[in-house]
């Protein structure tokens, strides 16, 4: 595997771990200000907003798909 690809995958893994770890802090702080239903609605809306561009982008054709 090329060095830049390894570095990119390591950085993405680090970012994932940071988001996972900070989520607990954000949940604790967020629950002070809003109720659980509103908090989960905001959480799911943010998740959908992040995933929507990836789900809606056109797919590239691969040689194996033809």
Protein backbone atom coordinates (compact mmCIF):
# COMPACT_ATOMS: atom_id res chain seq x y z
CA UNK A 1 0.00 0.00 0.00
CA UNK A 2 1.42 3.44 -0.89
CA UNK A 3 2.54 5.69 1.95
CA UNK A 4 -0.05 8.41 1.23
CA UNK A 5 -2.88 5.87 1.28
CA UNK A 6 -1.69 4.51 4.63
CA UNK A 7 -1.46 8.03 6.06
CA UNK A 8 -4.96 8.86 4.80
CA UNK A 9 -6.43 5.72 6.33
CA UNK A 10 -4.67 6.38 9.64
CA UNK A 11 -5.98 9.96 9.73
CA UNK A 12 -9.54 8.79 8.97
CA UNK A 13 -9.28 6.22 11.77
CA UNK A 14 -8.05 8.92 14.16
CA UNK A 15 -10.89 11.23 13.11
CA UNK A 16 -13.43 8.45 13.68
CA UNK A 17 -12.06 7.77 17.16
CA UNK A 18 -12.13 11.49 18.02
CA UNK A 19 -15.73 11.87 16.87
CA UNK A 20 -16.72 8.74 18.79
CA UNK A 21 -15.04 9.97 21.98
CA UNK A 22 -16.36 13.52 21.77
CA UNK A 23 -19.91 12.28 21.16
CA UNK A 24 -20.29 11.32 24.81
CA UNK A 25 -19.27 14.79 25.96
CA UNK A 26 -21.62 16.40 23.44
CA UNK A 27 -24.48 14.17 24.60
CA UNK A 28 -23.95 15.07 28.24
CA UNK A 29 -23.85 18.80 27.49
CA UNK A 30 -26.71 18.62 24.99
CA UNK A 31 -29.04 16.81 27.36
CA UNK A 32 -28.74 19.69 29.83
CA UNK A 33 -30.26 22.12 27.32
CA UNK A 34 -32.89 20.05 25.46
CA UNK A 35 -35.01 16.99 26.11
CA UNK A 36 -34.16 13.51 24.86
CA UNK A 37 -36.60 13.50 21.92
CA UNK A 38 -35.40 16.84 20.54
CA UNK A 39 -31.79 15.83 21.09
CA UNK A 40 -32.24 12.59 19.14
CA UNK A 41 -34.14 14.40 16.38
CA UNK A 42 -31.24 16.84 15.97
CA UNK A 43 -28.74 13.98 16.08
CA UNK A 44 -30.52 12.00 13.37
CA UNK A 45 -31.02 15.11 11.22
CA UNK A 46 -27.30 15.88 11.38
CA UNK A 47 -26.47 12.28 10.52
CA UNK A 48 -28.84 12.34 7.55
CA UNK A 49 -27.36 15.63 6.35
CA UNK A 50 -23.86 14.15 6.43
CA UNK A 51 -24.82 10.87 4.74
CA UNK A 52 -27.19 12.28 2.09
CA UNK A 53 -24.48 13.58 -0.29
CA UNK A 54 -22.74 10.20 -0.20
CA UNK A 55 -25.97 8.29 -0.79
CA UNK A 56 -27.18 10.55 -3.61
CA UNK A 57 -23.97 10.86 -5.63
CA UNK A 58 -23.86 9.07 -8.97
CA UNK A 59 -22.06 5.76 -8.91
CA UNK A 60 -19.05 5.10 -11.12
CA UNK A 61 -19.24 2.06 -13.36
CA UNK A 62 -16.61 -0.54 -12.69
CA UNK A 63 -15.39 -3.18 -15.10
CA UNK A 64 -16.89 -5.92 -12.90
CA UNK A 65 -20.35 -4.25 -13.03
CA UNK A 66 -20.75 -4.51 -16.81
